[in-house]
Amino acid sequence: MMIDILFPPGLVLILAGLMLPLVGERFRAPTILIAPLIALAIVWLLPSGPVLTFQYIGYELVPLKVDSLSRLFGTIFTIMTFAGGMYALKQERTLELASAFVYAGSALGVVFAGDLITVFIFWELMAVASTLLIWSNGGKALAAGQRYVMIHLLGGVILMAGIAGEIVSTGSIAFEAMDTNTWPRWLILAGFLINAGAPPLAAWLPDAYPEASWSGTVFLSAFTTKTAVFVVKADRNTVPDHEASG
């Protein structure tokens, strides 16, 4: 008998990241290793469909929605977080580790988002956390991080404009398959493609990633572009979910 869990798995990683600067050396490694496993368990215990919904200024926010595609990406992301955490156990920079877990949790937040506003919030949190992850290495990473965050802020502004236009034109904030037949949807697609490293705005990938630390590069290569691929491919209406019928 499956026990339904209604807690967003991304928040487990975000909370773990925020706790890392506060816990002592003795509890740092257990936090790094246990948090992704808890998040993975939640990914598979979540029931299918809209799990958390609430009304805000006349719109229905769905911060947690589960289907086969999101469960697949959630599984991959939590496993990658666990592997990255194991690799980074000897990393002494607490800021980097904290940023890495907030970054990974934000990526999970996007994967399980059921509305455009939730997507945007976690999307921007990803940008902030990943920038801090780069900057934590100091030196040349500071300049590379500035260029990195400028590209992501550009993508965020374009995405925000597209979402605002979509709300005005359709009155909906649902995160679902969209035909690119209006300019707001083209803007949403452009905002996603910038993070996916699509040409001609792909120079930030080889510019920023090598400047991160040996452990930070592992996390950077795991989430940003993969999350962008997910949101471009995600179809919340037509992806089959075998769990829903089983």
C-alpha atoms as a PDB file:
ATOM      1  CA  MET A   1       0.000   0.000   0.000  1.00  0.00           C
ATOM      2  CA  MET A   2       1.477   3.335  -1.109  1.00  0.00           C
ATOM      3  CA  ILE A   3       1.595   6.146   1.419  1.00  0.00           C
ATOM      4  CA  ASP A   4       0.906   9.503  -0.250  1.00  0.00           C
ATOM      5  CA  ILE A   5       3.347  12.263   0.668  1.00  0.00           C
ATOM      6  CA  LEU A   6       2.329  15.851  -0.046  1.00  0.00           C
ATOM      7  CA  PHE A   7       5.633  17.614   0.646  1.00  0.00           C
ATOM      8  CA  PRO A   8       7.581  19.084  -2.331  1.00  0.00           C
ATOM      9  CA  PRO A   9      10.831  17.134  -2.730  1.00  0.00           C
ATOM     10  CA  GLY A  10      12.668  20.258  -3.857  1.00  0.00           C
ATOM     11  CA  LEU A  11      12.086  21.890  -0.487  1.00  0.00           C
ATOM     12  CA  VAL A  12      13.938  19.026   1.203  1.00  0.00           C
ATOM     13  CA  LEU A  13      17.091  19.937  -0.717  1.00  0.00           C
ATOM     14  CA  ILE A  14      16.586  23.684  -0.278  1.00  0.00           C
ATOM     15  CA  LEU A  15      16.147  23.303   3.479  1.00  0.00           C
ATOM     16  CA  ALA A  16      19.193  21.040   3.620  1.00  0.00           C
ATOM     17  CA  GLY A  17      21.189  23.689   1.787  1.00  0.00           C
ATOM     18  CA  LEU A  18      20.079  26.394   4.204  1.00  0.00           C
ATOM     19  CA  MET A  19      20.952  24.136   7.153  1.00  0.00           C
ATOM     20  CA  LEU A  20      24.480  23.311   6.010  1.00  0.00           C
ATOM     21  CA  PRO A  21      26.035  26.570   7.271  1.00  0.00           C
ATOM     22  CA  LEU A  22      24.378  25.972  10.649  1.00  0.00           C
ATOM     23  CA  VAL A  23      25.137  22.320  11.336  1.00  0.00           C
ATOM     24  CA  GLY A  24      28.500  21.298  12.721  1.00  0.00           C
ATOM     25  CA  GLU A  25      31.190  19.354  10.897  1.00  0.00           C
ATOM     26  CA  ARG A  26      29.872  16.150  12.440  1.00  0.00           C
ATOM     27  CA  PHE A  27      26.447  16.484  10.812  1.00  0.00           C
ATOM     28  CA  ARG A  28      27.479  17.986   7.479  1.00  0.00           C
ATOM     29  CA  ALA A  29      28.193  14.713   5.663  1.00  0.00           C
ATOM     30  CA  PRO A  30      24.972  13.011   6.889  1.00  0.00           C
ATOM     31  CA  THR A  31      22.955  16.037   5.773  1.00  0.00           C
ATOM     32  CA  ILE A  32      24.584  16.001   2.332  1.00  0.00           C
ATOM     33  CA  LEU A  33      23.920  12.290   1.824  1.00  0.00           C
ATOM     34  CA  ILE A  34      20.569  11.786   3.543  1.00  0.00           C
ATOM     35  CA  ALA A  35      18.673  14.786   2.135  1.00  0.00           C
ATOM     36  CA  PRO A  36      18.787  13.582  -1.519  1.00  0.00           C
ATOM     37  CA  LEU A  37      17.647  10.110  -0.453  1.00  0.00           C
ATOM     38  CA  ILE A  38      14.672  11.591   1.417  1.00  0.00           C
ATOM     39  CA  ALA A  39      13.839  13.696  -1.648  1.00  0.00           C
ATOM     40  CA  LEU A  40      14.082  10.608  -3.871  1.00  0.00           C
ATOM     41  CA  ALA A  41      11.708   8.685  -1.611  1.00  0.00           C
ATOM     42  CA  ILE A  42       9.227  11.574  -1.724  1.00  0.00           C
ATOM     43  CA  VAL A  43       9.427  11.677  -5.537  1.00  0.00           C
ATOM     44  CA  TRP A  44       8.189   8.102  -5.660  1.00  0.00           C
ATOM     45  CA  LEU A  45       5.632   8.426  -2.861  1.00  0.00           C
ATOM     46  CA  LEU A  46       3.942  11.459  -4.392  1.00  0.00           C
ATOM     47  CA  PRO A  47       0.533  10.708  -5.887  1.00  0.00           C
ATOM     48  CA  SER A  48      -0.031  11.571  -9.534  1.00  0.00           C
ATOM     49  CA  GLY A  49      -1.784  14.738 -10.634  1.00  0.00           C
ATOM     50  CA  PRO A  50      -2.062  18.141  -8.935  1.00  0.00           C
ATOM     51  CA  VAL A  51      -0.910  17.487  -5.381  1.00  0.00           C
ATOM     52  CA  LEU A  52      -0.842  21.000  -3.896  1.00  0.00           C
ATOM     53  CA  THR A  53      -3.077  23.812  -5.122  1.00  0.00           C
ATOM     54  CA  PHE A  54      -4.239  27.115  -3.697  1.00  0.00           C
ATOM     55  CA  GLN A  55      -5.791  30.364  -4.863  1.00  0.00           C
ATOM     56  CA  TYR A  56      -3.817  33.596  -5.084  1.00  0.00           C
ATOM     57  CA  ILE A  57      -5.263  36.881  -6.444  1.00  0.00           C
ATOM     58  CA  GLY A  58      -7.782  34.979  -8.508  1.00  0.00           C
ATOM     59  CA  TYR A  59      -5.368  32.421  -9.963  1.00  0.00           C
ATOM     60  CA  GLU A  60      -4.877  28.784  -9.059  1.00  0.00           C
ATOM     61  CA  LEU A  61      -1.268  28.105  -8.129  1.00  0.00           C
ATOM     62  CA  VAL A  62      -0.097  24.500  -8.432  1.00  0.00           C
ATOM     63  CA  PRO A  63       3.314  24.327  -6.738  1.00  0.00           C
ATOM     64  CA  LEU A  64       3.333  20.529  -6.877  1.00  0.00           C
ATOM     65  CA  LYS A  65       2.077  18.517  -9.844  1.00  0.00           C
ATOM     66  CA  VAL A  66       3.234  14.999 -10.688  1.00  0.00           C
ATOM     67  CA  ASP A  67       3.225  13.037 -13.930  1.00  0.00           C
ATOM     68  CA  SER A  68       5.485  10.407 -15.475  1.00  0.00           C
ATOM     69  CA  LEU A  69       7.902  12.935 -16.979  1.00  0.00           C
ATOM     70  CA  SER A  70       8.316  14.976 -13.801  1.00  0.00           C
ATOM     71  CA  ARG A  71       8.760  11.792 -11.753  1.00  0.00           C
ATOM     72  CA  LEU A  72      11.460  10.613 -14.182  1.00  0.00           C
ATOM     73  CA  PHE A  73      13.348  13.922 -14.051  1.00  0.00           C
ATOM     74  CA  GLY A  74      12.836  14.123 -10.292  1.00  0.00           C
ATOM     75  CA  THR A  75      14.393  10.693  -9.895  1.00  0.00           C
ATOM     76  CA  ILE A  76      17.365  11.616 -12.068  1.00  0.00           C
ATOM     77  CA  PHE A  77      17.875  14.963 -10.304  1.00  0.00           C
ATOM     78  CA  THR A  78      17.812  13.499  -6.792  1.00  0.00           C
ATOM     79  CA  ILE A  79      20.239  10.737  -7.781  1.00  0.00           C
ATOM     80  CA  MET A  80      22.525  13.335  -9.361  1.00  0.00           C
ATOM     81  CA  THR A  81      22.349  15.397  -6.163  1.00  0.00           C
ATOM     82  CA  PHE A  82      23.334  12.378  -4.102  1.00  0.00           C
ATOM     83  CA  ALA A  83      26.230  11.588  -6.458  1.00  0.00           C
ATOM     84  CA  GLY A  84      27.341  15.227  -6.486  1.00  0.00           C
ATOM     85  CA  GLY A  85      27.135  15.332  -2.708  1.00  0.00           C
ATOM     86  CA  MET A  86      29.318  12.247  -2.381  1.00  0.00           C
ATOM     87  CA  TYR A  87      31.859  13.801  -4.729  1.00  0.00           C
ATOM     88  CA  ALA A  88      31.825  17.046  -2.727  1.00  0.00           C
ATOM     89  CA  LEU A  89      32.180  15.567   0.757  1.00  0.00           C
ATOM     90  CA  LYS A  90      35.733  16.902   1.028  1.00  0.00           C
ATOM     91  CA  GLN A  91      34.736  20.372  -0.202  1.00  0.00           C
ATOM     92  CA  GLU A  92      35.416  22.823   2.618  1.00  0.00           C
ATOM     93  CA  ARG A  93      33.488  25.788   1.199  1.00  0.00           C
ATOM     94  CA  THR A  94      30.163  25.741   3.010  1.00  0.00           C
ATOM     95  CA  LEU A  95      28.764  28.476   0.730  1.00  0.00           C
ATOM     96  CA  GLU A  96      29.346  26.290  -2.289  1.00  0.00           C
ATOM     97  CA  LEU A  97      27.666  23.260  -0.741  1.00  0.00           C
ATOM     98  CA  ALA A  98      24.706  25.304   0.478  1.00  0.00           C
ATOM     99  CA  SER A  99      24.310  26.954  -2.938  1.00  0.00           C
ATOM    100  CA  ALA A 100      24.559  23.586  -4.673  1.00  0.00           C
ATOM    101  CA  PHE A 101      21.704  22.097  -2.655  1.00  0.00           C
ATOM    102  CA  VAL A 102      19.480  25.169  -3.047  1.00  0.00           C
ATOM    103  CA  TYR A 103      20.269  25.029  -6.766  1.00  0.00           C
ATOM    104  CA  ALA A 104      19.342  21.347  -7.004  1.00  0.00           C
ATOM    105  CA  GLY A 105      16.174  21.878  -4.964  1.00  0.00           C
ATOM    106  CA  SER A 106      15.130  24.752  -7.205  1.00  0.00           C
ATOM    107  CA  ALA A 107      15.577  22.542 -10.269  1.00  0.00           C
ATOM    108  CA  LEU A 108      13.243  20.011  -8.636  1.00  0.00           C
ATOM    109  CA  GLY A 109      10.830  22.860  -7.929  1.00  0.00           C
ATOM    110  CA  VAL A 110      10.667  23.643 -11.648  1.00  0.00           C
ATOM    111  CA  VAL A 111      10.215  19.974 -12.561  1.00  0.00           C
ATOM    112  CA  PHE A 112       7.189  19.598 -10.280  1.00  0.00           C
ATOM    113  CA  ALA A 113       5.659  23.037 -10.913  1.00  0.00           C
ATOM    114  CA  GLY A 114       2.139  23.060 -12.306  1.00  0.00           C
ATOM    115  CA  ASP A 115       1.835  26.784 -13.046  1.00  0.00           C
ATOM    116  CA  LEU A 116       3.962  29.429 -14.734  1.00  0.00           C
ATOM    117  CA  ILE A 117       4.386  31.591 -11.636  1.00  0.00           C
ATOM    118  CA  THR A 118       5.856  28.708  -9.639  1.00  0.00           C
ATOM    119  CA  VAL A 119       8.110  27.870 -12.593  1.00  0.00           C
ATOM    120  CA  PHE A 120       9.372  31.462 -12.685  1.00  0.00           C
ATOM    121  CA  ILE A 121      10.050  31.629  -8.935  1.00  0.00           C
ATOM    122  CA  PHE A 122      12.131  28.456  -8.912  1.00  0.00           C
ATOM    123  CA  TRP A 123      13.729  29.389 -12.247  1.00  0.00           C
ATOM    124  CA  GLU A 124      15.103  32.610 -10.774  1.00  0.00           C
ATOM    125  CA  LEU A 125      16.131  30.890  -7.545  1.00  0.00           C
ATOM    126  CA  MET A 126      18.145  28.481  -9.691  1.00  0.00           C
ATOM    127  CA  ALA A 127      19.922  31.439 -11.305  1.00  0.00           C
ATOM    128  CA  VAL A 128      20.784  33.015  -7.943  1.00  0.00           C
ATOM    129  CA  ALA A 129      21.978  29.761  -6.349  1.00  0.00           C
ATOM    130  CA  SER A 130      24.057  28.677  -9.352  1.00  0.00           C
ATOM    131  CA  THR A 131      25.700  32.122  -9.538  1.00  0.00           C
ATOM    132  CA  LEU A 132      26.690  31.876  -5.868  1.00  0.00           C
ATOM    133  CA  LEU A 133      28.001  28.398  -6.617  1.00  0.00           C
ATOM    134  CA  ILE A 134      30.351  29.845  -9.244  1.00  0.00           C
ATOM    135  CA  TRP A 135      31.364  32.887  -7.186  1.00  0.00           C
ATOM    136  CA  SER A 136      32.280  30.723  -4.206  1.00  0.00           C
ATOM    137  CA  ASN A 137      35.406  29.619  -6.063  1.00  0.00           C
ATOM    138  CA  GLY A 138      36.750  33.197  -6.126  1.00  0.00           C
ATOM    139  CA  GLY A 139      39.410  34.491  -8.535  1.00  0.00           C
ATOM    140  CA  LYS A 140      38.436  34.296 -12.208  1.00  0.00           C
ATOM    141  CA  ALA A 141      35.122  32.788 -11.167  1.00  0.00           C
ATOM    142  CA  LEU A 142      33.911  36.224 -10.021  1.00  0.00           C
ATOM    143  CA  ALA A 143      34.072  37.710 -13.537  1.00  0.00           C
ATOM    144  CA  ALA A 144      32.713  34.532 -15.121  1.00  0.00           C
ATOM    145  CA  GLY A 145      29.863  34.540 -12.589  1.00  0.00           C
ATOM    146  CA  GLN A 146      28.970  38.110 -13.517  1.00  0.00           C
ATOM    147  CA  ARG A 147      28.660  37.184 -17.190  1.00  0.00           C
ATOM    148  CA  TYR A 148      26.755  34.052 -16.218  1.00  0.00           C
ATOM    149  CA  VAL A 149      24.209  35.896 -14.113  1.00  0.00           C
ATOM    150  CA  MET A 150      23.728  38.580 -16.793  1.00  0.00           C
ATOM    151  CA  ILE A 151      22.708  35.930 -19.328  1.00  0.00           C
ATOM    152  CA  HIS A 152      20.355  34.294 -16.840  1.00  0.00           C
ATOM    153  CA  LEU A 153      18.843  37.630 -15.841  1.00  0.00           C
ATOM    154  CA  LEU A 154      18.240  38.333 -19.523  1.00  0.00           C
ATOM    155  CA  GLY A 155      16.521  34.979 -19.862  1.00  0.00           C
ATOM    156  CA  GLY A 156      14.515  35.659 -16.696  1.00  0.00           C
ATOM    157  CA  VAL A 157      13.318  39.045 -17.943  1.00  0.00           C
ATOM    158  CA  ILE A 158      12.271  37.548 -21.276  1.00  0.00           C
ATOM    159  CA  LEU A 159      10.512  34.689 -19.489  1.00  0.00           C
ATOM    160  CA  MET A 160       8.733  37.099 -17.132  1.00  0.00           C
ATOM    161  CA  ALA A 161       7.553  39.221 -20.069  1.00  0.00           C
ATOM    162  CA  GLY A 162       6.251  36.127 -21.820  1.00  0.00           C
ATOM    163  CA  ILE A 163       4.411  34.902 -18.728  1.00  0.00           C
ATOM    164  CA  ALA A 164       2.858  38.338 -18.169  1.00  0.00           C
ATOM    165  CA  GLY A 165       1.745  38.431 -21.790  1.00  0.00           C
ATOM    166  CA  GLU A 166       0.322  34.923 -21.561  1.00  0.00           C
ATOM    167  CA  ILE A 167      -1.694  35.844 -18.467  1.00  0.00           C
ATOM    168  CA  VAL A 168      -3.046  38.996 -20.109  1.00  0.00           C
ATOM    169  CA  SER A 169      -3.971  37.248 -23.354  1.00  0.00           C
ATOM    170  CA  THR A 170      -5.380  33.991 -21.970  1.00  0.00           C
ATOM    171  CA  GLY A 171      -6.094  34.624 -18.274  1.00  0.00           C
ATOM    172  CA  SER A 172      -4.329  31.336 -17.469  1.00  0.00           C
ATOM    173  CA  ILE A 173      -1.116  30.563 -15.583  1.00  0.00           C
ATOM    174  CA  ALA A 174      -1.205  26.819 -16.277  1.00  0.00           C
ATOM    175  CA  PHE A 175       2.145  25.245 -17.127  1.00  0.00           C
ATOM    176  CA  GLU A 176       1.246  22.942 -19.980  1.00  0.00           C
ATOM    177  CA  ALA A 177       1.923  22.321 -23.660  1.00  0.00           C
ATOM    178  CA  MET A 178       1.718  25.536 -25.681  1.00  0.00           C
ATOM    179  CA  ASP A 179       1.590  26.188 -29.407  1.00  0.00           C
ATOM    180  CA  THR A 180       3.985  29.001 -30.280  1.00  0.00           C
ATOM    181  CA  ASN A 181       1.280  30.985 -32.051  1.00  0.00           C
ATOM    182  CA  THR A 182       1.483  34.174 -29.961  1.00  0.00           C
ATOM    183  CA  TRP A 183       4.343  36.495 -29.062  1.00  0.00           C
ATOM    184  CA  PRO A 184       4.099  35.782 -25.293  1.00  0.00           C
ATOM    185  CA  ARG A 185       4.622  32.078 -25.967  1.00  0.00           C
ATOM    186  CA  TRP A 186       7.578  32.825 -28.200  1.00  0.00           C
ATOM    187  CA  LEU A 187       9.053  34.870 -25.359  1.00  0.00           C
ATOM    188  CA  ILE A 188       8.484  32.014 -22.894  1.00  0.00           C
ATOM    189  CA  LEU A 189      10.213  29.631 -25.291  1.00  0.00           C
ATOM    190  CA  ALA A 190      13.100  32.079 -25.761  1.00  0.00           C
ATOM    191  CA  GLY A 191      13.560  32.421 -21.995  1.00  0.00           C
ATOM    192  CA  PHE A 192      13.781  28.644 -21.676  1.00  0.00           C
ATOM    193  CA  LEU A 193      16.139  28.244 -24.640  1.00  0.00           C
ATOM    194  CA  ILE A 194      18.614  30.743 -23.204  1.00  0.00           C
ATOM    195  CA  ASN A 195      19.079  28.506 -20.165  1.00  0.00           C
ATOM    196  CA  ALA A 196      19.292  25.477 -22.448  1.00  0.00           C
ATOM    197  CA  GLY A 197      22.402  27.006 -24.010  1.00  0.00           C
ATOM    198  CA  ALA A 198      20.841  27.283 -27.450  1.00  0.00           C
ATOM    199  CA  PRO A 199      22.817  29.294 -30.039  1.00  0.00           C
ATOM    200  CA  PRO A 200      23.621  32.126 -30.346  1.00  0.00           C
ATOM    201  CA  LEU A 201      23.557  32.567 -26.540  1.00  0.00           C
ATOM    202  CA  ALA A 202      25.590  29.505 -25.651  1.00  0.00           C
ATOM    203  CA  ALA A 203      28.948  31.107 -24.823  1.00  0.00           C
ATOM    204  CA  TRP A 204      28.126  31.214 -21.093  1.00  0.00           C
ATOM    205  CA  LEU A 205      28.478  27.416 -20.873  1.00  0.00           C
ATOM    206  CA  PRO A 206      32.208  27.105 -21.657  1.00  0.00           C
ATOM    207  CA  ASP A 207      32.834  30.475 -20.028  1.00  0.00           C
ATOM    208  CA  ALA A 208      31.353  29.847 -16.583  1.00  0.00           C
ATOM    209  CA  TYR A 209      31.463  26.120 -15.892  1.00  0.00           C
ATOM    210  CA  PRO A 210      35.267  25.676 -15.957  1.00  0.00           C
ATOM    211  CA  GLU A 211      35.672  28.543 -13.480  1.00  0.00           C
ATOM    212  CA  ALA A 212      33.680  26.759 -10.797  1.00  0.00           C
ATOM    213  CA  SER A 213      35.482  24.472  -8.377  1.00  0.00           C
ATOM    214  CA  TRP A 214      36.092  20.771  -9.014  1.00  0.00           C
ATOM    215  CA  SER A 215      32.923  19.918  -7.106  1.00  0.00           C
ATOM    216  CA  GLY A 216      30.847  22.899  -8.234  1.00  0.00           C
ATOM    217  CA  THR A 217      31.260  21.955 -11.884  1.00  0.00           C
ATOM    218  CA  VAL A 218      29.578  18.621 -11.169  1.00  0.00           C
ATOM    219  CA  PHE A 219      26.429  20.360  -9.918  1.00  0.00           C
ATOM    220  CA  LEU A 220      26.459  22.997 -12.664  1.00  0.00           C
ATOM    221  CA  SER A 221      26.598  20.363 -15.387  1.00  0.00           C
ATOM    222  CA  ALA A 222      23.707  18.458 -13.817  1.00  0.00           C
ATOM    223  CA  PHE A 223      20.778  20.844 -13.602  1.00  0.00           C
ATOM    224  CA  THR A 224      20.517  24.115 -15.569  1.00  0.00           C
ATOM    225  CA  THR A 225      20.464  22.837 -19.133  1.00  0.00           C
ATOM    226  CA  LYS A 226      18.600  19.666 -18.148  1.00  0.00           C
ATOM    227  CA  THR A 227      15.868  21.690 -16.451  1.00  0.00           C
ATOM    228  CA  ALA A 228      15.596  23.859 -19.556  1.00  0.00           C
ATOM    229  CA  VAL A 229      15.230  20.751 -21.712  1.00  0.00           C
ATOM    230  CA  PHE A 230      12.507  19.510 -19.363  1.00  0.00           C
ATOM    231  CA  VAL A 231      10.399  22.667 -19.574  1.00  0.00           C
ATOM    232  CA  VAL A 232      10.737  22.783 -23.359  1.00  0.00           C
ATOM    233  CA  LYS A 233       9.672  19.151 -23.705  1.00  0.00           C
ATOM    234  CA  ALA A 234       7.156  18.909 -20.885  1.00  0.00           C
ATOM    235  CA  ASP A 235       3.565  18.314 -21.939  1.00  0.00           C
ATOM    236  CA  ARG A 236       1.396  18.243 -18.848  1.00  0.00           C
ATOM    237  CA  ASN A 237      -1.704  17.201 -20.789  1.00  0.00           C
ATOM    238  CA  THR A 238      -0.475  14.332 -22.935  1.00  0.00           C
ATOM    239  CA  VAL A 239       2.346  12.640 -21.028  1.00  0.00           C
ATOM    240  CA  PRO A 240       0.945   9.248 -20.007  1.00  0.00           C
ATOM    241  CA  ASP A 241       1.114   8.438 -16.333  1.00  0.00           C
ATOM    242  CA  HIS A 242       0.775   4.721 -15.668  1.00  0.00           C
ATOM    243  CA  GLU A 243       0.544   5.371 -11.953  1.00  0.00           C
ATOM    244  CA  ALA A 244      -2.680   7.264 -12.487  1.00  0.00           C
ATOM    245  CA  SER A 245      -4.380   4.168 -13.838  1.00  0.00           C
ATOM    246  CA  GLY A 246      -2.733   1.613 -11.580  1.00  0.00           C
END
